[in-house]
Amino acid sequence: MHETPKSSVAEIVEATYQTESRLVFASLVRLLRDFDLAEEAMHEAFTAALEKWPLEGVPKKPHAWLVLTGRFKAIDTLRRRDRFSEMVPEVAARVESLEE
Protein backbone atom coordinates (compact mmCIF):
# COMPACT_ATOMS: atom_id res chain seq x y z
CA MET A 1 0.00 0.00 0.00
CA HIS A 2 1.12 3.54 -0.57
CA GLU A 3 0.53 6.89 1.05
CA THR A 4 -2.67 8.62 -0.06
CA PRO A 5 -3.52 12.33 0.38
CA LYS A 6 -5.51 12.89 3.57
CA SER A 7 -8.29 14.86 1.89
CA SER A 8 -9.07 12.08 -0.57
CA VAL A 9 -8.86 9.46 2.19
CA ALA A 10 -11.33 11.43 4.30
CA GLU A 11 -13.72 11.41 1.34
CA ILE A 12 -13.19 7.66 0.87
CA VAL A 13 -13.80 7.01 4.57
CA GLU A 14 -16.96 9.14 4.44
CA ALA A 15 -18.22 7.29 1.37
CA THR A 16 -17.34 3.95 2.97
CA TYR A 17 -19.19 4.97 6.12
CA GLN A 18 -22.26 5.84 4.06
CA THR A 19 -22.24 2.55 2.17
CA GLU A 20 -20.70 0.06 4.61
CA SER A 21 -21.38 1.19 8.19
CA ARG A 22 -24.58 -0.85 8.53
CA LEU A 23 -22.83 -3.96 7.27
CA VAL A 24 -19.80 -3.36 9.48
CA PHE A 25 -22.09 -2.83 12.47
CA ALA A 26 -24.06 -6.01 11.70
CA SER A 27 -20.86 -8.01 11.35
CA LEU A 28 -19.57 -6.69 14.67
CA VAL A 29 -22.87 -7.42 16.42
CA ARG A 30 -22.68 -11.01 15.17
CA LEU A 31 -19.08 -11.33 16.37
CA LEU A 32 -19.43 -9.52 19.69
CA ARG A 33 -23.08 -10.23 20.58
CA ASP A 34 -23.31 -6.76 22.13
CA PHE A 35 -24.95 -3.83 20.34
CA ASP A 36 -23.29 -1.08 22.38
CA LEU A 37 -19.85 -2.63 22.15
CA ALA A 38 -20.32 -3.19 18.41
CA GLU A 39 -21.34 0.42 17.83
CA GLU A 40 -18.39 1.75 19.82
CA ALA A 41 -16.00 -0.59 18.00
CA MET A 42 -17.39 0.41 14.61
CA HIS A 43 -16.84 4.10 15.30
CA GLU A 44 -13.33 3.41 16.60
CA ALA A 45 -12.58 1.43 13.44
CA PHE A 46 -13.66 4.32 11.21
CA THR A 47 -11.55 6.69 13.32
CA ALA A 48 -8.59 4.35 12.89
CA ALA A 49 -9.21 4.35 9.14
CA LEU A 50 -8.91 8.15 9.11
CA GLU A 51 -5.56 7.83 10.88
CA LYS A 52 -4.05 4.82 9.10
CA TRP A 53 -5.35 4.88 5.54
CA PRO A 54 -3.54 8.11 4.61
CA LEU A 55 -0.27 6.44 5.65
CA GLU A 56 -0.88 2.85 4.60
CA GLY A 57 -3.28 3.38 1.72
CA VAL A 58 -6.88 2.29 1.43
CA PRO A 59 -7.10 -1.50 1.79
CA LYS A 60 -8.42 -3.61 -1.07
CA LYS A 61 -11.27 -4.79 1.15
CA PRO A 62 -12.26 -1.84 3.37
CA HIS A 63 -15.23 -3.70 4.88
CA ALA A 64 -13.03 -6.56 6.07
CA TRP A 65 -10.40 -4.13 7.39
CA LEU A 66 -13.05 -2.22 9.35
CA VAL A 67 -14.59 -5.37 10.84
CA LEU A 68 -11.20 -6.74 11.85
CA THR A 69 -10.10 -3.41 13.30
CA GLY A 70 -13.43 -3.05 15.12
CA ARG A 71 -13.00 -6.53 16.57
CA PHE A 72 -9.55 -5.65 17.89
CA LYS A 73 -10.87 -2.36 19.31
CA ALA A 74 -13.64 -4.27 21.09
CA ILE A 75 -11.13 -6.71 22.54
CA ASP A 76 -9.09 -3.77 23.86
CA THR A 77 -12.25 -2.28 25.41
CA LEU A 78 -13.13 -5.59 27.10
CA ARG A 79 -9.61 -5.90 28.48
CA ARG A 80 -9.77 -2.36 29.89
CA ARG A 81 -13.13 -3.17 31.50
CA ASP A 82 -11.70 -6.32 33.07
CA ARG A 83 -8.69 -4.44 34.45
CA PHE A 84 -10.96 -1.75 35.83
CA SER A 85 -13.22 -4.34 37.47
CA GLU A 86 -10.19 -5.99 39.07
CA MET A 87 -8.99 -2.64 40.42
CA VAL A 88 -12.30 -1.56 41.99
CA PRO A 89 -11.89 -3.48 45.29
CA GLU A 90 -8.33 -2.21 45.70
CA VAL A 91 -9.31 1.38 45.00
CA ALA A 92 -12.31 1.11 47.32
CA ALA A 93 -10.05 -0.19 50.09
CA ARG A 94 -7.67 2.73 49.58
CA VAL A 95 -10.51 5.25 49.73
CA GLU A 96 -11.86 3.65 52.90
CA SER A 97 -8.41 3.77 54.50
CA LEU A 98 -8.17 7.49 53.68
CA GLU A 99 -11.50 8.13 55.37
CA GLU A 100 -10.33 6.58 58.65
PDB file of N, CA and C in Angstrom:
ATOM      1  N   MET A   1       0.839  -1.176   0.000  1.00  0.00           N
ATOM      2  CA  MET A   1       0.000   0.000   0.000  1.00  0.00           C
ATOM      3  C   MET A   1       0.882   1.235   0.000  1.00  0.00           C
ATOM      4  N   HIS A   2       0.341   2.323  -0.499  1.00  0.00           N
ATOM      5  CA  HIS A   2       1.116   3.543  -0.569  1.00  0.00           C
ATOM      6  C   HIS A   2       0.364   4.684   0.095  1.00  0.00           C
ATOM      7  N   GLU A   3       1.110   5.734   0.390  1.00  0.00           N
ATOM      8  CA  GLU A   3       0.526   6.886   1.048  1.00  0.00           C
ATOM      9  C   GLU A   3      -0.477   7.580   0.130  1.00  0.00           C
ATOM     10  N   THR A   4      -1.609   7.969   0.694  1.00  0.00           N
ATOM     11  CA  THR A   4      -2.670   8.622  -0.057  1.00  0.00           C
ATOM     12  C   THR A   4      -2.937   9.980   0.581  1.00  0.00           C
ATOM     13  N   PRO A   5      -3.227  11.011  -0.218  1.00  0.00           N
ATOM     14  CA  PRO A   5      -3.523  12.327   0.377  1.00  0.00           C
ATOM     15  C   PRO A   5      -4.676  12.247   1.372  1.00  0.00           C
ATOM     16  N   LYS A   6      -4.522  12.959   2.505  1.00  0.00           N
ATOM     17  CA  LYS A   6      -5.513  12.890   3.568  1.00  0.00           C
ATOM     18  C   LYS A   6      -6.897  13.330   3.111  1.00  0.00           C
ATOM     19  N   SER A   7      -6.974  14.360   2.299  1.00  0.00           N
ATOM     20  CA  SER A   7      -8.295  14.857   1.890  1.00  0.00           C
ATOM     21  C   SER A   7      -9.061  13.802   1.099  1.00  0.00           C
ATOM     22  N   SER A   8      -8.375  13.105   0.198  1.00  0.00           N
ATOM     23  CA  SER A   8      -9.073  12.080  -0.570  1.00  0.00           C
ATOM     24  C   SER A   8      -9.411  10.874   0.306  1.00  0.00           C
ATOM     25  N   VAL A   9      -8.572  10.570   1.280  1.00  0.00           N
ATOM     26  CA  VAL A   9      -8.863   9.459   2.189  1.00  0.00           C
ATOM     27  C   VAL A   9     -10.078   9.804   3.035  1.00  0.00           C
ATOM     28  N   ALA A  10     -10.163  11.028   3.508  1.00  0.00           N
ATOM     29  CA  ALA A  10     -11.329  11.435   4.300  1.00  0.00           C
ATOM     30  C   ALA A  10     -12.608  11.249   3.484  1.00  0.00           C
ATOM     31  N   GLU A  11     -12.551  11.587   2.209  1.00  0.00           N
ATOM     32  CA  GLU A  11     -13.717  11.405   1.342  1.00  0.00           C
ATOM     33  C   GLU A  11     -14.030   9.924   1.159  1.00  0.00           C
ATOM     34  N   ILE A  12     -12.995   9.111   1.019  1.00  0.00           N
ATOM     35  CA  ILE A  12     -13.192   7.664   0.870  1.00  0.00           C
ATOM     36  C   ILE A  12     -13.784   7.080   2.145  1.00  0.00           C
ATOM     37  N   VAL A  13     -13.273   7.504   3.302  1.00  0.00           N
ATOM     38  CA  VAL A  13     -13.802   7.006   4.573  1.00  0.00           C
ATOM     39  C   VAL A  13     -15.265   7.426   4.721  1.00  0.00           C
ATOM     40  N   GLU A  14     -15.571   8.669   4.371  1.00  0.00           N
ATOM     41  CA  GLU A  14     -16.958   9.143   4.444  1.00  0.00           C
ATOM     42  C   GLU A  14     -17.867   8.317   3.534  1.00  0.00           C
ATOM     43  N   ALA A  15     -17.428   8.088   2.318  1.00  0.00           N
ATOM     44  CA  ALA A  15     -18.221   7.289   1.372  1.00  0.00           C
ATOM     45  C   ALA A  15     -18.375   5.857   1.874  1.00  0.00           C
ATOM     46  N   THR A  16     -17.297   5.310   2.423  1.00  0.00           N
ATOM     47  CA  THR A  16     -17.340   3.952   2.967  1.00  0.00           C
ATOM     48  C   THR A  16     -18.291   3.894   4.154  1.00  0.00           C
ATOM     49  N   TYR A  17     -18.267   4.927   4.985  1.00  0.00           N
ATOM     50  CA  TYR A  17     -19.191   4.974   6.118  1.00  0.00           C
ATOM     51  C   TYR A  17     -20.633   4.957   5.617  1.00  0.00           C
ATOM     52  N   GLN A  18     -20.911   5.760   4.600  1.00  0.00           N
ATOM     53  CA  GLN A  18     -22.262   5.844   4.059  1.00  0.00           C
ATOM     54  C   GLN A  18     -22.740   4.499   3.492  1.00  0.00           C
ATOM     55  N   THR A  19     -21.840   3.783   2.848  1.00  0.00           N
ATOM     56  CA  THR A  19     -22.244   2.545   2.172  1.00  0.00           C
ATOM     57  C   THR A  19     -22.041   1.280   3.004  1.00  0.00           C
ATOM     58  N   GLU A  20     -21.083   1.295   3.915  1.00  0.00           N
ATOM     59  CA  GLU A  20     -20.698   0.056   4.611  1.00  0.00           C
ATOM     60  C   GLU A  20     -20.975   0.034   6.110  1.00  0.00           C
ATOM     61  N   SER A  21     -21.286   1.171   6.724  1.00  0.00           N
ATOM     62  CA  SER A  21     -21.377   1.194   8.190  1.00  0.00           C
ATOM     63  C   SER A  21     -22.423   0.217   8.730  1.00  0.00           C
ATOM     64  N   ARG A  22     -23.547   0.092   8.047  1.00  0.00           N
ATOM     65  CA  ARG A  22     -24.580  -0.852   8.527  1.00  0.00           C
ATOM     66  C   ARG A  22     -24.079  -2.286   8.473  1.00  0.00           C
ATOM     67  N   LEU A  23     -23.358  -2.604   7.401  1.00  0.00           N
ATOM     68  CA  LEU A  23     -22.828  -3.964   7.271  1.00  0.00           C
ATOM     69  C   LEU A  23     -21.710  -4.219   8.282  1.00  0.00           C
ATOM     70  N   VAL A  24     -20.867  -3.222   8.488  1.00  0.00           N
ATOM     71  CA  VAL A  24     -19.797  -3.357   9.482  1.00  0.00           C
ATOM     72  C   VAL A  24     -20.415  -3.549  10.862  1.00  0.00           C
ATOM     73  N   PHE A  25     -21.416  -2.721  11.177  1.00  0.00           N
ATOM     74  CA  PHE A  25     -22.094  -2.833  12.465  1.00  0.00           C
ATOM     75  C   PHE A  25     -22.715  -4.214  12.637  1.00  0.00           C
ATOM     76  N   ALA A  26     -23.422  -4.685  11.622  1.00  0.00           N
ATOM     77  CA  ALA A  26     -24.061  -6.008  11.698  1.00  0.00           C
ATOM     78  C   ALA A  26     -23.030  -7.110  11.902  1.00  0.00           C
ATOM     79  N   SER A  27     -21.917  -7.009  11.201  1.00  0.00           N
ATOM     80  CA  SER A  27     -20.856  -8.012  11.353  1.00  0.00           C
ATOM     81  C   SER A  27     -20.305  -8.001  12.773  1.00  0.00           C
ATOM     82  N   LEU A  28     -20.109  -6.797  13.311  1.00  0.00           N
ATOM     83  CA  LEU A  28     -19.568  -6.692  14.670  1.00  0.00           C
ATOM     84  C   LEU A  28     -20.574  -7.180  15.709  1.00  0.00           C
ATOM     85  N   VAL A  29     -21.853  -6.913  15.498  1.00  0.00           N
ATOM     86  CA  VAL A  29     -22.874  -7.421  16.424  1.00  0.00           C
ATOM     87  C   VAL A  29     -22.843  -8.947  16.432  1.00  0.00           C
ATOM     88  N   ARG A  30     -22.748  -9.542  15.246  1.00  0.00           N
ATOM     89  CA  ARG A  30     -22.683 -11.011  15.173  1.00  0.00           C
ATOM     90  C   ARG A  30     -21.443 -11.541  15.898  1.00  0.00           C
ATOM     91  N   LEU A  31     -20.322 -10.866  15.729  1.00  0.00           N
ATOM     92  CA  LEU A  31     -19.084 -11.325  16.367  1.00  0.00           C
ATOM     93  C   LEU A  31     -19.090 -11.103  17.877  1.00  0.00           C
ATOM     94  N   LEU A  32     -19.564  -9.938  18.292  1.00  0.00           N
ATOM     95  CA  LEU A  32     -19.432  -9.518  19.686  1.00  0.00           C
ATOM     96  C   LEU A  32     -20.659  -9.822  20.538  1.00  0.00           C
ATOM     97  N   ARG A  33     -21.816  -9.978  19.892  1.00  0.00           N
ATOM     98  CA  ARG A  33     -23.079 -10.234  20.578  1.00  0.00           C
ATOM     99  C   ARG A  33     -23.408  -9.148  21.608  1.00  0.00           C
ATOM    100  N   ASP A  34     -23.071  -7.897  21.241  1.00  0.00           N
ATOM    101  CA  ASP A  34     -23.313  -6.762  22.129  1.00  0.00           C
ATOM    102  C   ASP A  34     -23.468  -5.518  21.252  1.00  0.00           C
ATOM    103  N   PHE A  35     -24.679  -4.969  21.223  1.00  0.00           N
ATOM    104  CA  PHE A  35     -24.955  -3.825  20.341  1.00  0.00           C
ATOM    105  C   PHE A  35     -24.105  -2.606  20.695  1.00  0.00           C
ATOM    106  N   ASP A  36     -24.037  -2.272  21.978  1.00  0.00           N
ATOM    107  CA  ASP A  36     -23.293  -1.084  22.384  1.00  0.00           C
ATOM    108  C   ASP A  36     -21.804  -1.224  22.084  1.00  0.00           C
ATOM    109  N   LEU A  37     -21.258  -2.376  22.418  1.00  0.00           N
ATOM    110  CA  LEU A  37     -19.846  -2.626  22.147  1.00  0.00           C
ATOM    111  C   LEU A  37     -19.574  -2.602  20.645  1.00  0.00           C
ATOM    112  N   ALA A  38     -20.479  -3.173  19.864  1.00  0.00           N
ATOM    113  CA  ALA A  38     -20.317  -3.192  18.409  1.00  0.00           C
ATOM    114  C   ALA A  38     -20.358  -1.777  17.838  1.00  0.00           C
ATOM    115  N   GLU A  39     -21.254  -0.953  18.332  1.00  0.00           N
ATOM    116  CA  GLU A  39     -21.339   0.421  17.829  1.00  0.00           C
ATOM    117  C   GLU A  39     -20.076   1.203  18.167  1.00  0.00           C
ATOM    118  N   GLU A  40     -19.620   1.067  19.405  1.00  0.00           N
ATOM    119  CA  GLU A  40     -18.394   1.748  19.823  1.00  0.00           C
ATOM    120  C   GLU A  40     -17.205   1.272  18.982  1.00  0.00           C
ATOM    121  N   ALA A  41     -17.111  -0.022  18.779  1.00  0.00           N
ATOM    122  CA  ALA A  41     -16.005  -0.592  18.004  1.00  0.00           C
ATOM    123  C   ALA A  41     -16.057  -0.138  16.549  1.00  0.00           C
ATOM    124  N   MET A  42     -17.256  -0.038  15.992  1.00  0.00           N
ATOM    125  CA  MET A  42     -17.386   0.413  14.610  1.00  0.00           C
ATOM    126  C   MET A  42     -16.875   1.840  14.468  1.00  0.00           C
ATOM    127  N   HIS A  43     -17.284   2.709  15.383  1.00  0.00           N
ATOM    128  CA  HIS A  43     -16.835   4.101  15.304  1.00  0.00           C
ATOM    129  C   HIS A  43     -15.328   4.209  15.510  1.00  0.00           C
ATOM    130  N   GLU A  44     -14.782   3.410  16.399  1.00  0.00           N
ATOM    131  CA  GLU A  44     -13.334   3.413  16.600  1.00  0.00           C
ATOM    132  C   GLU A  44     -12.614   2.902  15.360  1.00  0.00           C
ATOM    133  N   ALA A  45     -13.189   1.948  14.668  1.00  0.00           N
ATOM    134  CA  ALA A  45     -12.580   1.428  13.442  1.00  0.00           C
ATOM    135  C   ALA A  45     -12.556   2.495  12.354  1.00  0.00           C
ATOM    136  N   PHE A  46     -13.644   3.246  12.206  1.00  0.00           N
ATOM    137  CA  PHE A  46     -13.658   4.318  11.208  1.00  0.00           C
ATOM    138  C   PHE A  46     -12.674   5.430  11.593  1.00  0.00           C
ATOM    139  N   THR A  47     -12.537   5.705  12.872  1.00  0.00           N
ATOM    140  CA  THR A  47     -11.552   6.687  13.321  1.00  0.00           C
ATOM    141  C   THR A  47     -10.144   6.201  12.995  1.00  0.00           C
ATOM    142  N   ALA A  48      -9.900   4.926  13.218  1.00  0.00           N
ATOM    143  CA  ALA A  48      -8.590   4.349  12.887  1.00  0.00           C
ATOM    144  C   ALA A  48      -8.325   4.433  11.389  1.00  0.00           C
ATOM    145  N   ALA A  49      -9.370   4.249  10.587  1.00  0.00           N
ATOM    146  CA  ALA A  49      -9.213   4.354   9.135  1.00  0.00           C
ATOM    147  C   ALA A  49      -8.754   5.760   8.748  1.00  0.00           C
ATOM    148  N   LEU A  50      -9.320   6.774   9.394  1.00  0.00           N
ATOM    149  CA  LEU A  50      -8.911   8.149   9.113  1.00  0.00           C
ATOM    150  C   LEU A  50      -7.448   8.389   9.454  1.00  0.00           C
ATOM    151  N   GLU A  51      -6.948   7.679  10.459  1.00  0.00           N
ATOM    152  CA  GLU A  51      -5.558   7.834  10.881  1.00  0.00           C
ATOM    153  C   GLU A  51      -4.599   6.999  10.036  1.00  0.00           C
ATOM    154  N   LYS A  52      -4.978   5.765   9.737  1.00  0.00           N
ATOM    155  CA  LYS A  52      -4.047   4.823   9.096  1.00  0.00           C
ATOM    156  C   LYS A  52      -4.090   4.817   7.576  1.00  0.00           C
ATOM    157  N   TRP A  53      -5.251   4.980   6.992  1.00  0.00           N
ATOM    158  CA  TRP A  53      -5.350   4.878   5.536  1.00  0.00           C
ATOM    159  C   TRP A  53      -4.539   5.934   4.798  1.00  0.00           C
ATOM    160  N   PRO A  54      -4.404   7.162   5.325  1.00  0.00           N
ATOM    161  CA  PRO A  54      -3.542   8.113   4.609  1.00  0.00           C
ATOM    162  C   PRO A  54      -2.081   7.647   4.564  1.00  0.00           C
ATOM    163  N   LEU A  55      -1.660   6.911   5.570  1.00  0.00           N
ATOM    164  CA  LEU A  55      -0.270   6.445   5.649  1.00  0.00           C
ATOM    165  C   LEU A  55      -0.056   5.111   4.945  1.00  0.00           C
ATOM    166  N   GLU A  56      -1.026   4.212   5.106  1.00  0.00           N
ATOM    167  CA  GLU A  56      -0.878   2.849   4.596  1.00  0.00           C
ATOM    168  C   GLU A  56      -1.603   2.616   3.275  1.00  0.00           C
ATOM    169  N   GLY A  57      -2.459   3.553   2.903  1.00  0.00           N
ATOM    170  CA  GLY A  57      -3.280   3.383   1.717  1.00  0.00           C
ATOM    171  C   GLY A  57      -4.594   2.715   2.080  1.00  0.00           C
ATOM    172  N   VAL A  58      -5.564   2.892   1.215  1.00  0.00           N
ATOM    173  CA  VAL A  58      -6.878   2.289   1.433  1.00  0.00           C
ATOM    174  C   VAL A  58      -6.770   0.799   1.113  1.00  0.00           C
ATOM    175  N   PRO A  59      -7.198  -0.050   2.033  1.00  0.00           N
ATOM    176  CA  PRO A  59      -7.099  -1.501   1.789  1.00  0.00           C
ATOM    177  C   PRO A  59      -7.982  -1.940   0.622  1.00  0.00           C
ATOM    178  N   LYS A  60      -7.630  -3.071   0.042  1.00  0.00           N
ATOM    179  CA  LYS A  60      -8.420  -3.610  -1.069  1.00  0.00           C
ATOM    180  C   LYS A  60      -9.828  -3.980  -0.636  1.00  0.00           C
ATOM    181  N   LYS A  61      -9.959  -4.406   0.610  1.00  0.00           N
ATOM    182  CA  LYS A  61     -11.269  -4.793   1.146  1.00  0.00           C
ATOM    183  C   LYS A  61     -11.548  -3.953   2.394  1.00  0.00           C
ATOM    184  N   PRO A  62     -12.032  -2.714   2.217  1.00  0.00           N
ATOM    185  CA  PRO A  62     -12.259  -1.836   3.369  1.00  0.00           C
ATOM    186  C   PRO A  62     -13.214  -2.423   4.408  1.00  0.00           C
ATOM    187  N   HIS A  63     -14.264  -3.110   3.951  1.00  0.00           N
ATOM    188  CA  HIS A  63     -15.226  -3.698   4.885  1.00  0.00           C
ATOM    189  C   HIS A  63     -14.528  -4.685   5.819  1.00  0.00           C
ATOM    190  N   ALA A  64     -13.740  -5.565   5.256  1.00  0.00           N
ATOM    191  CA  ALA A  64     -13.030  -6.560   6.067  1.00  0.00           C
ATOM    192  C   ALA A  64     -12.053  -5.879   7.028  1.00  0.00           C
ATOM    193  N   TRP A  65     -11.355  -4.864   6.547  1.00  0.00           N
ATOM    194  CA  TRP A  65     -10.403  -4.127   7.389  1.00  0.00           C
ATOM    195  C   TRP A  65     -11.144  -3.497   8.560  1.00  0.00           C
ATOM    196  N   LEU A  66     -12.279  -2.878   8.292  1.00  0.00           N
ATOM    197  CA  LEU A  66     -13.050  -2.217   9.346  1.00  0.00           C
ATOM    198  C   LEU A  66     -13.588  -3.210  10.363  1.00  0.00           C
ATOM    199  N   VAL A  67     -14.074  -4.347   9.914  1.00  0.00           N
ATOM    200  CA  VAL A  67     -14.591  -5.367  10.842  1.00  0.00           C
ATOM    201  C   VAL A  67     -13.457  -5.911  11.710  1.00  0.00           C
ATOM    202  N   LEU A  68     -12.340  -6.215  11.094  1.00  0.00           N
ATOM    203  CA  LEU A  68     -11.205  -6.744  11.850  1.00  0.00           C
ATOM    204  C   LEU A  68     -10.688  -5.712  12.850  1.00  0.00           C
ATOM    205  N   THR A  69     -10.562  -4.476  12.409  1.00  0.00           N
ATOM    206  CA  THR A  69     -10.105  -3.409  13.304  1.00  0.00           C
ATOM    207  C   THR A  69     -11.112  -3.197  14.423  1.00  0.00           C
ATOM    208  N   GLY A  70     -12.394  -3.193  14.092  1.00  0.00           N
ATOM    209  CA  GLY A  70     -13.428  -3.053  15.116  1.00  0.00           C
ATOM    210  C   GLY A  70     -13.372  -4.170  16.134  1.00  0.00           C
ATOM    211  N   ARG A  71     -13.124  -5.370  15.667  1.00  0.00           N
ATOM    212  CA  ARG A  71     -13.002  -6.528  16.571  1.00  0.00           C
ATOM    213  C   ARG A  71     -11.848  -6.331  17.546  1.00  0.00           C
ATOM    214  N   PHE A  72     -10.703  -5.894  17.016  1.00  0.00           N
ATOM    215  CA  PHE A  72      -9.550  -5.654  17.890  1.00  0.00           C
ATOM    216  C   PHE A  72      -9.824  -4.514  18.878  1.00  0.00           C
ATOM    217  N   LYS A  73     -10.513  -3.478  18.428  1.00  0.00           N
ATOM    218  CA  LYS A  73     -10.867  -2.357  19.313  1.00  0.00           C
ATOM    219  C   LYS A  73     -11.796  -2.849  20.422  1.00  0.00           C
ATOM    220  N   ALA A  74     -12.731  -3.721  20.085  1.00  0.00           N
ATOM    221  CA  ALA A  74     -13.643  -4.271  21.091  1.00  0.00           C
ATOM    222  C   ALA A  74     -12.885  -5.117  22.105  1.00  0.00           C
ATOM    223  N   ILE A  75     -11.940  -5.898  21.633  1.00  0.00           N
ATOM    224  CA  ILE A  75     -11.126  -6.712  22.542  1.00  0.00           C
ATOM    225  C   ILE A  75     -10.364  -5.811  23.505  1.00  0.00           C
ATOM    226  N   ASP A  76      -9.797  -4.731  22.996  1.00  0.00           N
ATOM    227  CA  ASP A  76      -9.095  -3.768  23.856  1.00  0.00           C
ATOM    228  C   ASP A  76     -10.040  -3.178  24.902  1.00  0.00           C
ATOM    229  N   THR A  77     -11.250  -2.838  24.483  1.00  0.00           N
ATOM    230  CA  THR A  77     -12.246  -2.284  25.406  1.00  0.00           C
ATOM    231  C   THR A  77     -12.588  -3.293  26.495  1.00  0.00           C
ATOM    232  N   LEU A  78     -12.799  -4.549  26.110  1.00  0.00           N
ATOM    233  CA  LEU A  78     -13.129  -5.585  27.099  1.00  0.00           C
ATOM    234  C   LEU A  78     -11.977  -5.800  28.072  1.00  0.00           C
ATOM    235  N   ARG A  79     -10.768  -5.755  27.585  1.00  0.00           N
ATOM    236  CA  ARG A  79      -9.608  -5.904  28.478  1.00  0.00           C
ATOM    237  C   ARG A  79      -9.522  -4.750  29.468  1.00  0.00           C
ATOM    238  N   ARG A  80      -9.779  -3.515  28.986  1.00  0.00           N
ATOM    239  CA  ARG A  80      -9.770  -2.357  29.887  1.00  0.00           C
ATOM    240  C   ARG A  80     -10.852  -2.505  30.952  1.00  0.00           C
ATOM    241  N   ARG A  81     -12.041  -2.965  30.544  1.00  0.00           N
ATOM    242  CA  ARG A  81     -13.131  -3.168  31.501  1.00  0.00           C
ATOM    243  C   ARG A  81     -12.748  -4.192  32.552  1.00  0.00           C
ATOM    244  N   ASP A  82     -12.115  -5.283  32.127  1.00  0.00           N
ATOM    245  CA  ASP A  82     -11.697  -6.318  33.073  1.00  0.00           C
ATOM    246  C   ASP A  82     -10.678  -5.773  34.061  1.00  0.00           C
ATOM    247  N   ARG A  83      -9.705  -5.025  33.551  1.00  0.00           N
ATOM    248  CA  ARG A  83      -8.690  -4.444  34.449  1.00  0.00           C
ATOM    249  C   ARG A  83      -9.340  -3.492  35.433  1.00  0.00           C
ATOM    250  N   PHE A  84     -10.266  -2.678  34.960  1.00  0.00           N
ATOM    251  CA  PHE A  84     -10.958  -1.748  35.834  1.00  0.00           C
ATOM    252  C   PHE A  84     -11.733  -2.502  36.906  1.00  0.00           C
ATOM    253  N   SER A  85     -12.447  -3.553  36.508  1.00  0.00           N
ATOM    254  CA  SER A  85     -13.223  -4.345  37.469  1.00  0.00           C
ATOM    255  C   SER A  85     -12.323  -4.969  38.522  1.00  0.00           C
ATOM    256  N   GLU A  86     -11.144  -5.397  38.119  1.00  0.00           N
ATOM    257  CA  GLU A  86     -10.192  -5.993  39.068  1.00  0.00           C
ATOM    258  C   GLU A  86      -9.655  -4.947  40.026  1.00  0.00           C
ATOM    259  N   MET A  87      -9.563  -3.699  39.583  1.00  0.00           N
ATOM    260  CA  MET A  87      -8.990  -2.645  40.415  1.00  0.00           C
ATOM    261  C   MET A  87      -9.988  -2.045  41.397  1.00  0.00           C
ATOM    262  N   VAL A  88     -11.280  -2.207  41.159  1.00  0.00           N
ATOM    263  CA  VAL A  88     -12.297  -1.563  41.985  1.00  0.00           C
ATOM    264  C   VAL A  88     -12.151  -1.919  43.470  1.00  0.00           C
ATOM    265  N   PRO A  89     -12.026  -3.183  43.852  1.00  0.00           N
ATOM    266  CA  PRO A  89     -11.887  -3.484  45.288  1.00  0.00           C
ATOM    267  C   PRO A  89     -10.650  -2.824  45.918  1.00  0.00           C
ATOM    268  N   GLU A  90      -9.548  -2.818  45.188  1.00  0.00           N
ATOM    269  CA  GLU A  90      -8.325  -2.205  45.704  1.00  0.00           C
ATOM    270  C   GLU A  90      -8.502  -0.699  45.886  1.00  0.00           C
ATOM    271  N   VAL A  91      -9.083  -0.057  44.905  1.00  0.00           N
ATOM    272  CA  VAL A  91      -9.308   1.385  44.996  1.00  0.00           C
ATOM    273  C   VAL A  91     -10.290   1.701  46.126  1.00  0.00           C
ATOM    274  N   ALA A  92     -11.337   0.906  46.242  1.00  0.00           N
ATOM    275  CA  ALA A  92     -12.311   1.108  47.322  1.00  0.00           C
ATOM    276  C   ALA A  92     -11.648   0.982  48.683  1.00  0.00           C
ATOM    277  N   ALA A  93     -10.770  -0.012  48.825  1.00  0.00           N
ATOM    278  CA  ALA A  93     -10.052  -0.192  50.088  1.00  0.00           C
ATOM    279  C   ALA A  93      -9.160   1.020  50.394  1.00  0.00           C
ATOM    280  N   ARG A  94      -8.506   1.544  49.382  1.00  0.00           N
ATOM    281  CA  ARG A  94      -7.667   2.728  49.578  1.00  0.00           C
ATOM    282  C   ARG A  94      -8.495   3.938  50.002  1.00  0.00           C
ATOM    283  N   VAL A  95      -9.633   4.117  49.375  1.00  0.00           N
ATOM    284  CA  VAL A  95     -10.507   5.252  49.725  1.00  0.00           C
ATOM    285  C   VAL A  95     -10.992   5.090  51.150  1.00  0.00           C
ATOM    286  N   GLU A  96     -11.399   3.885  51.527  1.00  0.00           N
ATOM    287  CA  GLU A  96     -11.860   3.648  52.900  1.00  0.00           C
ATOM    288  C   GLU A  96     -10.752   3.922  53.912  1.00  0.00           C
ATOM    289  N   SER A  97      -9.522   3.536  53.562  1.00  0.00           N
ATOM    290  CA  SER A  97      -8.411   3.771  54.499  1.00  0.00           C
ATOM    291  C   SER A  97      -8.120   5.269  54.641  1.00  0.00           C
ATOM    292  N   LEU A  98      -8.357   6.038  53.609  1.00  0.00           N
ATOM    293  CA  LEU A  98      -8.166   7.487  53.681  1.00  0.00           C
ATOM    294  C   LEU A  98      -9.227   8.141  54.546  1.00  0.00           C
ATOM    295  N   GLU A  99     -10.397   7.570  54.585  1.00  0.00           N
ATOM    296  CA  GLU A  99     -11.501   8.127  55.372  1.00  0.00           C
ATOM    297  C   GLU A  99     -11.320   7.886  56.848  1.00  0.00           C
ATOM    298  N   GLU A 100     -10.508   6.919  57.227  1.00  0.00           N
ATOM    299  CA  GLU A 100     -10.327   6.578  58.654  1.00  0.00           C
ATOM    300  C   GLU A 100      -9.399   7.531  59.340  1.00  0.00           C
TER     301      GLU A 100
END
